[in-house]
Amino acid sequence: MSERFTIQISSSLVDRLAEQDGKVKKPKKSKSKSQGKEHVHRPPIDSKTSTPAGGWPPLPSQLPLPLVQPPAAPPSAAVTNPEIHAIQSILKESEQVIERMKKIEANMTEEVKQRAKELHDKEFKLPYQKPLPCVAEKDACLQCYKEHMKDPLKCARVARNFADCARQARQQA
């Protein structure tokens, strides 16, 4: 029952459609005087591509289509249509919600960064270290021994001061 047929689009048709710049023109219908019905032009049937009668012919996978933009709706139609108005209001509300969510995300990101920095500082902060006692006396003793390597007895007084300081530090602790 179905017949297979092909569609041929000429380059002149593509050019005419491209020249319209979005203006839609209705094709003129030609009426036959004898029948009073529309005249439909059908291309010849190719016996190689025909299908069993009654079915629709398969569509080609690629058809060259002209790049024609649909005509723009008049501004008054957008305002008067309640469905479009409802959709636009929902779209605006959604955009506002997205903006609020972006602000909340930025605030939360900043707060997380600040808390992470605080935790890092607490974890890796060196504990308080008591200063070593008698550092000056120790340095003086070492300096003396370096200067008087051949006669270390000259450093007896400095060594005694260092020993006294160390004794006092042990008693205080």
N, C-alpha and C. Protein backbone atom coordinates (compact mmCIF):
# COMPACT_ATOMS: atom_id res chain seq x y z
N MET A 1 0.80 -1.19 0.00
CA MET A 1 0.00 0.00 0.00
C MET A 1 0.85 1.27 0.00
N SER A 2 2.01 1.21 0.65
CA SER A 2 2.83 2.42 0.70
C SER A 2 3.77 2.46 -0.49
N GLU A 3 4.07 3.65 -0.87
CA GLU A 3 4.99 3.85 -1.98
C GLU A 3 6.18 4.63 -1.48
N ARG A 4 7.30 4.32 -1.99
CA ARG A 4 8.52 5.02 -1.61
C ARG A 4 8.76 6.12 -2.62
N PHE A 5 9.06 7.32 -2.14
CA PHE A 5 9.33 8.41 -3.05
C PHE A 5 10.47 9.25 -2.49
N THR A 6 11.05 10.09 -3.32
CA THR A 6 12.17 10.93 -2.90
C THR A 6 11.77 12.38 -3.00
N ILE A 7 12.45 13.20 -2.22
CA ILE A 7 12.22 14.65 -2.21
C ILE A 7 13.44 15.31 -2.81
N GLN A 8 13.21 16.18 -3.77
CA GLN A 8 14.32 16.90 -4.39
C GLN A 8 14.15 18.39 -4.09
N ILE A 9 15.19 18.99 -3.55
CA ILE A 9 15.17 20.42 -3.24
C ILE A 9 16.18 21.10 -4.14
N SER A 10 15.71 22.02 -4.92
CA SER A 10 16.60 22.69 -5.85
C SER A 10 17.31 23.84 -5.16
N SER A 11 18.41 24.26 -5.76
CA SER A 11 19.18 25.37 -5.19
C SER A 11 18.40 26.68 -5.30
N SER A 12 17.55 26.80 -6.28
CA SER A 12 16.75 28.03 -6.40
C SER A 12 15.75 28.13 -5.25
N LEU A 13 15.21 26.99 -4.80
CA LEU A 13 14.30 27.00 -3.65
C LEU A 13 15.05 27.42 -2.39
N VAL A 14 16.24 26.89 -2.21
CA VAL A 14 17.06 27.26 -1.05
C VAL A 14 17.37 28.74 -1.08
N ASP A 15 17.70 29.27 -2.27
CA ASP A 15 18.01 30.70 -2.39
C ASP A 15 16.78 31.55 -2.07
N ARG A 16 15.61 31.15 -2.57
CA ARG A 16 14.39 31.91 -2.27
C ARG A 16 14.08 31.90 -0.79
N LEU A 17 14.28 30.76 -0.15
CA LEU A 17 14.02 30.68 1.29
C LEU A 17 15.02 31.52 2.08
N ALA A 18 16.24 31.55 1.64
CA ALA A 18 17.26 32.34 2.33
C ALA A 18 17.01 33.83 2.14
N GLU A 19 16.44 34.23 1.02
CA GLU A 19 16.18 35.64 0.75
C GLU A 19 15.01 36.18 1.55
N GLN A 20 14.19 35.32 2.05
CA GLN A 20 12.99 35.77 2.75
C GLN A 20 13.31 36.44 4.09
N ASP A 21 14.49 36.20 4.65
CA ASP A 21 14.94 36.81 5.91
C ASP A 21 13.91 36.62 7.02
N GLY A 22 13.41 35.44 7.15
CA GLY A 22 12.49 35.17 8.24
C GLY A 22 11.04 35.48 7.92
N LYS A 23 10.73 36.03 6.76
CA LYS A 23 9.35 36.32 6.40
C LYS A 23 8.73 35.04 5.85
N VAL A 24 7.59 34.68 6.41
CA VAL A 24 6.94 33.45 5.98
C VAL A 24 5.91 33.80 4.91
N LYS A 25 6.03 33.18 3.78
CA LYS A 25 5.07 33.38 2.71
C LYS A 25 4.36 32.06 2.48
N LYS A 26 3.05 32.12 2.40
CA LYS A 26 2.28 30.91 2.15
C LYS A 26 2.32 30.62 0.66
N PRO A 27 2.54 29.37 0.32
CA PRO A 27 2.56 29.03 -1.10
C PRO A 27 1.14 29.12 -1.66
N LYS A 28 1.07 29.52 -2.92
CA LYS A 28 -0.24 29.65 -3.57
C LYS A 28 -0.74 28.27 -3.94
N LYS A 29 -2.02 28.07 -3.70
CA LYS A 29 -2.63 26.79 -4.03
C LYS A 29 -3.29 26.93 -5.40
N SER A 30 -3.00 25.99 -6.25
CA SER A 30 -3.61 26.01 -7.57
C SER A 30 -4.77 25.03 -7.58
N LYS A 31 -5.90 25.47 -8.06
CA LYS A 31 -7.08 24.61 -8.09
C LYS A 31 -7.39 24.25 -9.54
N SER A 32 -7.75 23.06 -9.68
CA SER A 32 -8.14 22.60 -11.00
C SER A 32 -9.61 22.93 -11.20
N LYS A 33 -9.97 23.47 -12.36
CA LYS A 33 -11.34 23.86 -12.62
C LYS A 33 -12.25 22.65 -12.74
N SER A 34 -11.72 21.58 -13.25
CA SER A 34 -12.56 20.43 -13.49
C SER A 34 -12.85 19.65 -12.21
N GLN A 35 -11.86 19.54 -11.29
CA GLN A 35 -12.06 18.73 -10.10
C GLN A 35 -12.38 19.56 -8.87
N GLY A 36 -11.89 20.77 -8.75
CA GLY A 36 -12.11 21.60 -7.57
C GLY A 36 -11.23 21.18 -6.40
N LYS A 37 -10.28 20.31 -6.58
CA LYS A 37 -9.37 19.86 -5.52
C LYS A 37 -7.98 20.45 -5.77
N GLU A 38 -7.15 20.40 -4.72
CA GLU A 38 -5.78 20.89 -4.84
C GLU A 38 -4.99 19.99 -5.77
N HIS A 39 -4.11 20.63 -6.53
CA HIS A 39 -3.23 19.88 -7.39
C HIS A 39 -1.92 19.64 -6.64
N VAL A 40 -1.55 18.40 -6.45
CA VAL A 40 -0.32 18.05 -5.73
C VAL A 40 0.65 17.45 -6.71
N HIS A 41 1.84 18.01 -6.74
CA HIS A 41 2.88 17.51 -7.63
C HIS A 41 3.63 16.39 -6.93
N ARG A 42 3.65 15.22 -7.53
CA ARG A 42 4.38 14.09 -6.98
C ARG A 42 5.46 13.69 -7.97
N PRO A 43 6.67 13.51 -7.46
CA PRO A 43 7.73 13.07 -8.36
C PRO A 43 7.50 11.63 -8.80
N PRO A 44 8.13 11.22 -9.87
CA PRO A 44 7.95 9.85 -10.35
C PRO A 44 8.46 8.84 -9.33
N ILE A 45 7.83 7.71 -9.30
CA ILE A 45 8.18 6.65 -8.35
C ILE A 45 9.34 5.86 -8.91
N ASP A 46 10.32 5.65 -8.05
CA ASP A 46 11.48 4.87 -8.43
C ASP A 46 11.22 3.43 -8.01
N SER A 47 11.30 2.50 -8.93
CA SER A 47 10.97 1.11 -8.62
C SER A 47 11.99 0.49 -7.68
N LYS A 48 13.21 1.00 -7.68
CA LYS A 48 14.24 0.44 -6.80
C LYS A 48 13.99 0.81 -5.35
N THR A 49 13.43 2.00 -5.11
CA THR A 49 13.25 2.47 -3.75
C THR A 49 11.83 2.31 -3.25
N SER A 50 10.96 1.67 -4.01
CA SER A 50 9.57 1.57 -3.59
C SER A 50 9.44 0.58 -2.44
N THR A 51 8.40 0.81 -1.62
CA THR A 51 8.15 -0.05 -0.47
C THR A 51 6.79 -0.68 -0.66
N PRO A 52 6.44 -1.64 0.16
CA PRO A 52 5.12 -2.24 0.04
C PRO A 52 4.05 -1.21 0.22
N ALA A 53 2.93 -1.40 -0.40
CA ALA A 53 1.85 -0.43 -0.38
C ALA A 53 1.30 -0.28 1.03
N GLY A 54 0.93 0.97 1.41
CA GLY A 54 0.30 1.23 2.70
C GLY A 54 1.24 1.81 3.74
N GLY A 55 2.55 1.67 3.65
CA GLY A 55 3.48 2.17 4.67
C GLY A 55 4.09 3.51 4.28
N TRP A 56 4.65 4.18 5.24
CA TRP A 56 5.32 5.45 4.97
C TRP A 56 6.71 5.18 4.44
N PRO A 57 7.17 6.02 3.56
CA PRO A 57 8.53 5.81 3.05
C PRO A 57 9.55 6.21 4.12
N PRO A 58 10.70 5.57 4.14
CA PRO A 58 11.74 5.97 5.11
C PRO A 58 12.29 7.34 4.77
N LEU A 59 12.60 8.10 5.81
CA LEU A 59 13.14 9.44 5.62
C LEU A 59 14.64 9.37 5.39
N PRO A 60 15.15 10.21 4.53
CA PRO A 60 16.61 10.24 4.36
C PRO A 60 17.27 10.74 5.64
N SER A 61 18.49 10.28 5.88
CA SER A 61 19.16 10.63 7.12
C SER A 61 19.61 12.08 7.15
N GLN A 62 19.87 12.67 6.00
CA GLN A 62 20.32 14.06 5.98
C GLN A 62 19.59 14.81 4.87
N LEU A 63 18.93 15.89 5.26
CA LEU A 63 18.29 16.76 4.29
C LEU A 63 18.93 18.13 4.37
N PRO A 64 19.26 18.76 3.27
CA PRO A 64 19.80 20.12 3.34
C PRO A 64 18.68 21.07 3.72
N LEU A 65 18.84 21.75 4.85
CA LEU A 65 17.83 22.69 5.32
C LEU A 65 18.38 24.11 5.27
N PRO A 66 17.58 25.06 4.82
CA PRO A 66 18.05 26.45 4.79
C PRO A 66 18.09 27.01 6.20
N LEU A 67 18.98 27.94 6.42
CA LEU A 67 19.11 28.58 7.72
C LEU A 67 18.19 29.79 7.77
N VAL A 68 16.92 29.53 8.04
CA VAL A 68 15.93 30.58 8.11
C VAL A 68 15.45 30.67 9.54
N GLN A 69 15.49 31.83 10.12
CA GLN A 69 15.04 32.02 11.49
C GLN A 69 13.54 32.19 11.50
N PRO A 70 12.87 31.64 12.52
CA PRO A 70 11.43 31.82 12.59
C PRO A 70 11.10 33.27 12.85
N PRO A 71 9.94 33.72 12.40
CA PRO A 71 9.59 35.13 12.61
C PRO A 71 9.40 35.42 14.09
N ALA A 72 9.82 36.61 14.48
CA ALA A 72 9.72 37.00 15.88
C ALA A 72 8.26 37.32 16.20
N ALA A 73 7.83 36.89 17.41
CA ALA A 73 6.47 37.17 17.84
C ALA A 73 6.35 38.63 18.21
N PRO A 74 5.21 39.24 17.94
CA PRO A 74 5.05 40.65 18.32
C PRO A 74 5.09 40.80 19.83
N PRO A 75 5.62 41.93 20.35
CA PRO A 75 5.75 42.10 21.79
C PRO A 75 4.41 42.05 22.51
N SER A 76 3.36 42.46 21.86
CA SER A 76 2.06 42.46 22.53
C SER A 76 1.58 41.05 22.78
N ALA A 77 1.94 40.08 21.93
CA ALA A 77 1.51 38.71 22.11
C ALA A 77 2.15 38.10 23.35
N ALA A 78 3.42 38.46 23.64
CA ALA A 78 4.10 37.92 24.81
C ALA A 78 3.46 38.42 26.09
N VAL A 79 2.98 39.64 26.09
CA VAL A 79 2.39 40.22 27.29
C VAL A 79 0.99 39.65 27.52
N THR A 80 0.26 39.41 26.46
CA THR A 80 -1.12 38.98 26.61
C THR A 80 -1.24 37.49 26.90
N ASN A 81 -0.28 36.69 26.54
CA ASN A 81 -0.38 35.27 26.77
C ASN A 81 -0.07 34.96 28.23
N PRO A 82 -1.03 34.45 29.01
CA PRO A 82 -0.78 34.21 30.44
C PRO A 82 0.21 33.09 30.70
N GLU A 83 0.29 32.12 29.83
CA GLU A 83 1.25 31.04 30.04
C GLU A 83 2.67 31.54 29.93
N ILE A 84 2.91 32.38 28.92
CA ILE A 84 4.25 32.93 28.74
C ILE A 84 4.60 33.83 29.91
N HIS A 85 3.64 34.61 30.36
CA HIS A 85 3.88 35.50 31.51
C HIS A 85 4.21 34.67 32.76
N ALA A 86 3.51 33.58 32.98
CA ALA A 86 3.78 32.72 34.13
C ALA A 86 5.17 32.10 34.03
N ILE A 87 5.52 31.66 32.84
CA ILE A 87 6.85 31.06 32.64
C ILE A 87 7.94 32.10 32.87
N GLN A 88 7.73 33.32 32.39
CA GLN A 88 8.74 34.38 32.59
C GLN A 88 8.89 34.72 34.06
N SER A 89 7.78 34.76 34.81
CA SER A 89 7.89 35.07 36.23
C SER A 89 8.61 33.96 36.98
N ILE A 90 8.34 32.71 36.61
CA ILE A 90 9.04 31.59 37.24
C ILE A 90 10.51 31.63 36.89
N LEU A 91 10.83 32.00 35.67
CA LEU A 91 12.23 32.11 35.25
C LEU A 91 12.95 33.19 36.06
N LYS A 92 12.31 34.33 36.27
CA LYS A 92 12.92 35.41 37.07
C LYS A 92 13.13 34.95 38.50
N GLU A 93 12.14 34.27 39.07
CA GLU A 93 12.29 33.77 40.44
C GLU A 93 13.44 32.77 40.52
N SER A 94 13.55 31.91 39.52
CA SER A 94 14.64 30.93 39.51
C SER A 94 15.99 31.62 39.43
N GLU A 95 16.09 32.66 38.63
CA GLU A 95 17.36 33.40 38.54
C GLU A 95 17.71 34.07 39.85
N GLN A 96 16.70 34.59 40.55
CA GLN A 96 16.94 35.20 41.86
C GLN A 96 17.40 34.16 42.87
N VAL A 97 16.79 32.99 42.82
CA VAL A 97 17.20 31.91 43.74
C VAL A 97 18.64 31.50 43.44
N ILE A 98 18.99 31.43 42.17
CA ILE A 98 20.36 31.06 41.80
C ILE A 98 21.35 32.10 42.33
N GLU A 99 21.02 33.38 42.22
CA GLU A 99 21.91 34.44 42.73
C GLU A 99 22.07 34.32 44.24
N ARG A 100 20.95 34.07 44.95
CA ARG A 100 21.04 33.91 46.40
C ARG A 100 21.90 32.70 46.76
N MET A 101 21.74 31.62 46.02
CA MET A 101 22.52 30.41 46.29
C MET A 101 24.01 30.66 46.03
N LYS A 102 24.33 31.44 45.01
CA LYS A 102 25.73 31.76 44.74
C LYS A 102 26.33 32.58 45.88
N LYS A 103 25.55 33.53 46.43
CA LYS A 103 26.04 34.33 47.55
C LYS A 103 26.25 33.46 48.77
N ILE A 104 25.30 32.57 49.04
CA ILE A 104 25.43 31.67 50.19
C ILE A 104 26.64 30.77 50.01
N GLU A 105 26.85 30.27 48.81
CA GLU A 105 28.01 29.42 48.54
C GLU A 105 29.31 30.18 48.77
N ALA A 106 29.36 31.43 48.32
CA ALA A 106 30.58 32.23 48.51
C ALA A 106 30.84 32.45 49.99
N ASN A 107 29.78 32.76 50.76
CA ASN A 107 29.95 32.96 52.20
C ASN A 107 30.41 31.68 52.88
N MET A 108 29.82 30.56 52.52
CA MET A 108 30.19 29.29 53.13
C MET A 108 31.62 28.91 52.77
N THR A 109 32.01 29.16 51.55
CA THR A 109 33.38 28.87 51.12
C THR A 109 34.38 29.69 51.93
N GLU A 110 34.06 30.96 52.12
CA GLU A 110 34.95 31.83 52.90
C GLU A 110 35.02 31.35 54.35
N GLU A 111 33.88 30.96 54.91
CA GLU A 111 33.86 30.48 56.30
C GLU A 111 34.65 29.19 56.45
N VAL A 112 34.53 28.28 55.50
CA VAL A 112 35.27 27.02 55.56
C VAL A 112 36.77 27.28 55.46
N LYS A 113 37.15 28.20 54.57
CA LYS A 113 38.57 28.54 54.45
C LYS A 113 39.11 29.11 55.76
N GLN A 114 38.32 29.99 56.40
CA GLN A 114 38.76 30.60 57.65
C GLN A 114 38.89 29.53 58.75
N ARG A 115 37.91 28.64 58.85
CA ARG A 115 37.98 27.58 59.88
C ARG A 115 39.14 26.64 59.61
N ALA A 116 39.39 26.33 58.37
CA ALA A 116 40.52 25.45 58.03
C ALA A 116 41.84 26.11 58.42
N LYS A 117 41.93 27.41 58.20
CA LYS A 117 43.16 28.13 58.58
C LYS A 117 43.34 28.11 60.09
N GLU A 118 42.23 28.32 60.83
CA GLU A 118 42.32 28.30 62.29
C GLU A 118 42.76 26.93 62.79
N LEU A 119 42.16 25.87 62.25
CA LEU A 119 42.55 24.52 62.66
C LEU A 119 44.00 24.22 62.32
N HIS A 120 44.42 24.65 61.15
CA HIS A 120 45.81 24.43 60.75
C HIS A 120 46.76 25.15 61.70
N ASP A 121 46.41 26.38 62.05
CA ASP A 121 47.26 27.15 62.96
C ASP A 121 47.32 26.50 64.33
N LYS A 122 46.20 25.98 64.82
CA LYS A 122 46.18 25.34 66.14
C LYS A 122 46.97 24.04 66.13
N GLU A 123 46.84 23.27 65.05
CA GLU A 123 47.48 21.97 65.00
C GLU A 123 49.00 22.09 64.87
N PHE A 124 49.46 22.99 64.05
CA PHE A 124 50.88 23.07 63.78
C PHE A 124 51.59 24.19 64.53
N LYS A 125 50.95 24.73 65.53
CA LYS A 125 51.58 25.77 66.32
C LYS A 125 52.54 25.11 67.32
N LEU A 126 53.74 25.63 67.37
CA LEU A 126 54.73 25.07 68.29
C LEU A 126 54.34 25.39 69.73
N PRO A 127 54.49 24.44 70.60
CA PRO A 127 54.16 24.72 72.00
C PRO A 127 55.16 25.70 72.60
N TYR A 128 54.76 26.32 73.68
CA TYR A 128 55.64 27.28 74.36
C TYR A 128 56.85 26.56 74.92
N GLN A 129 58.00 27.07 74.56
CA GLN A 129 59.23 26.47 75.06
C GLN A 129 59.88 27.42 76.05
N LYS A 130 60.23 26.85 77.16
CA LYS A 130 60.92 27.67 78.18
C LYS A 130 62.33 27.98 77.68
N PRO A 131 62.77 29.20 77.93
CA PRO A 131 64.14 29.52 77.51
C PRO A 131 65.15 28.72 78.34
N LEU A 132 66.21 28.36 77.68
CA LEU A 132 67.25 27.61 78.39
C LEU A 132 67.93 28.52 79.41
N PRO A 133 68.12 28.02 80.62
CA PRO A 133 68.80 28.83 81.63
C PRO A 133 70.31 28.84 81.39
N CYS A 134 70.91 29.89 81.83
CA CYS A 134 72.37 30.03 81.84
C CYS A 134 73.01 30.01 80.46
N VAL A 135 72.32 30.52 79.46
CA VAL A 135 72.87 30.54 78.11
C VAL A 135 74.08 31.47 78.05
N ALA A 136 73.98 32.61 78.69
CA ALA A 136 75.09 33.57 78.65
C ALA A 136 76.33 33.00 79.35
N GLU A 137 76.12 32.34 80.49
CA GLU A 137 77.26 31.76 81.21
C GLU A 137 77.90 30.63 80.41
N LYS A 138 77.08 29.84 79.74
CA LYS A 138 77.61 28.73 78.93
C LYS A 138 78.43 29.29 77.77
N ASP A 139 77.91 30.33 77.10
CA ASP A 139 78.64 30.92 75.97
C ASP A 139 79.97 31.53 76.44
N ALA A 140 79.95 32.17 77.60
CA ALA A 140 81.18 32.77 78.13
C ALA A 140 82.21 31.69 78.46
N CYS A 141 81.75 30.58 78.99
CA CYS A 141 82.65 29.48 79.34
C CYS A 141 83.28 28.88 78.07
N LEU A 142 82.45 28.64 77.04
CA LEU A 142 82.97 28.08 75.80
C LEU A 142 83.96 29.04 75.14
N GLN A 143 83.65 30.31 75.16
CA GLN A 143 84.55 31.31 74.57
C GLN A 143 85.89 31.35 75.29
N CYS A 144 85.81 31.23 76.59
CA CYS A 144 87.05 31.26 77.38
C CYS A 144 87.94 30.06 77.05
N TYR A 145 87.32 28.88 76.98
CA TYR A 145 88.11 27.69 76.68
C TYR A 145 88.70 27.75 75.27
N LYS A 146 87.99 28.40 74.31
CA LYS A 146 88.54 28.54 72.96
C LYS A 146 89.75 29.47 72.95
N GLU A 147 89.68 30.52 73.78
CA GLU A 147 90.78 31.49 73.82
C GLU A 147 91.99 30.95 74.57
N HIS A 148 91.74 30.17 75.58
CA HIS A 148 92.85 29.67 76.43
C HIS A 148 92.93 28.15 76.31
N MET A 149 93.23 27.67 75.13
CA MET A 149 93.31 26.23 74.93
C MET A 149 94.54 25.63 75.63
N LYS A 150 95.58 26.38 75.69
CA LYS A 150 96.80 25.85 76.30
C LYS A 150 96.80 26.01 77.82
N ASP A 151 96.00 26.92 78.34
CA ASP A 151 95.94 27.15 79.79
C ASP A 151 94.48 27.24 80.24
N PRO A 152 93.79 26.10 80.38
CA PRO A 152 92.36 26.11 80.73
C PRO A 152 92.10 26.56 82.17
N LEU A 153 93.12 26.61 83.01
CA LEU A 153 92.89 27.04 84.39
C LEU A 153 92.49 28.50 84.49
N LYS A 154 92.78 29.29 83.48
CA LYS A 154 92.40 30.69 83.50
C LYS A 154 90.88 30.85 83.40
N CYS A 155 90.19 29.78 83.01
CA CYS A 155 88.72 29.84 82.84
C CYS A 155 88.01 29.26 84.07
N ALA A 156 88.68 29.07 85.19
CA ALA A 156 88.08 28.45 86.37
C ALA A 156 86.96 29.33 86.91
N ARG A 157 87.17 30.63 86.98
CA ARG A 157 86.14 31.54 87.51
C ARG A 157 84.89 31.52 86.64
N VAL A 158 85.04 31.52 85.28
CA VAL A 158 83.90 31.50 84.36
C VAL A 158 83.18 30.15 84.46
N ALA A 159 83.93 29.07 84.61
CA ALA A 159 83.34 27.75 84.74
C ALA A 159 82.56 27.64 86.04
N ARG A 160 83.08 28.25 87.14
CA ARG A 160 82.38 28.25 88.44
C ARG A 160 81.07 29.04 88.33
N ASN A 161 81.07 30.16 87.64
CA ASN A 161 79.83 30.94 87.44
C ASN A 161 78.78 30.12 86.68
N PHE A 162 79.23 29.38 85.67
CA PHE A 162 78.31 28.55 84.91
C PHE A 162 77.74 27.42 85.77
N ALA A 163 78.58 26.80 86.58
CA ALA A 163 78.12 25.71 87.46
C ALA A 163 77.14 26.24 88.49
N ASP A 164 77.39 27.43 89.07
CA ASP A 164 76.48 28.02 90.06
C ASP A 164 75.11 28.31 89.41
N CYS A 165 75.14 28.86 88.23
CA CYS A 165 73.88 29.18 87.52
C CYS A 165 73.09 27.91 87.24
N ALA A 166 73.75 26.84 86.82
CA ALA A 166 73.07 25.58 86.54
C ALA A 166 72.48 25.00 87.81
N ARG A 167 73.15 25.09 88.93
CA ARG A 167 72.66 24.60 90.21
C ARG A 167 71.39 25.36 90.61
N GLN A 168 71.42 26.66 90.49
CA GLN A 168 70.25 27.47 90.83
C GLN A 168 69.06 27.12 89.95
N ALA A 169 69.29 26.89 88.66
CA ALA A 169 68.20 26.54 87.73
C ALA A 169 67.58 25.20 88.10
N ARG A 170 68.40 24.23 88.55
CA ARG A 170 67.88 22.92 88.97
C ARG A 170 67.06 23.06 90.25
N GLN A 171 67.48 23.92 91.13
CA GLN A 171 66.74 24.12 92.39
C GLN A 171 65.39 24.79 92.12
N GLN A 172 65.33 25.70 91.21
CA GLN A 172 64.07 26.39 90.90
C GLN A 172 63.09 25.45 90.17
N ALA A 173 63.60 24.55 89.43
CA ALA A 173 62.72 23.62 88.72
C ALA A 173 62.31 22.54 89.65
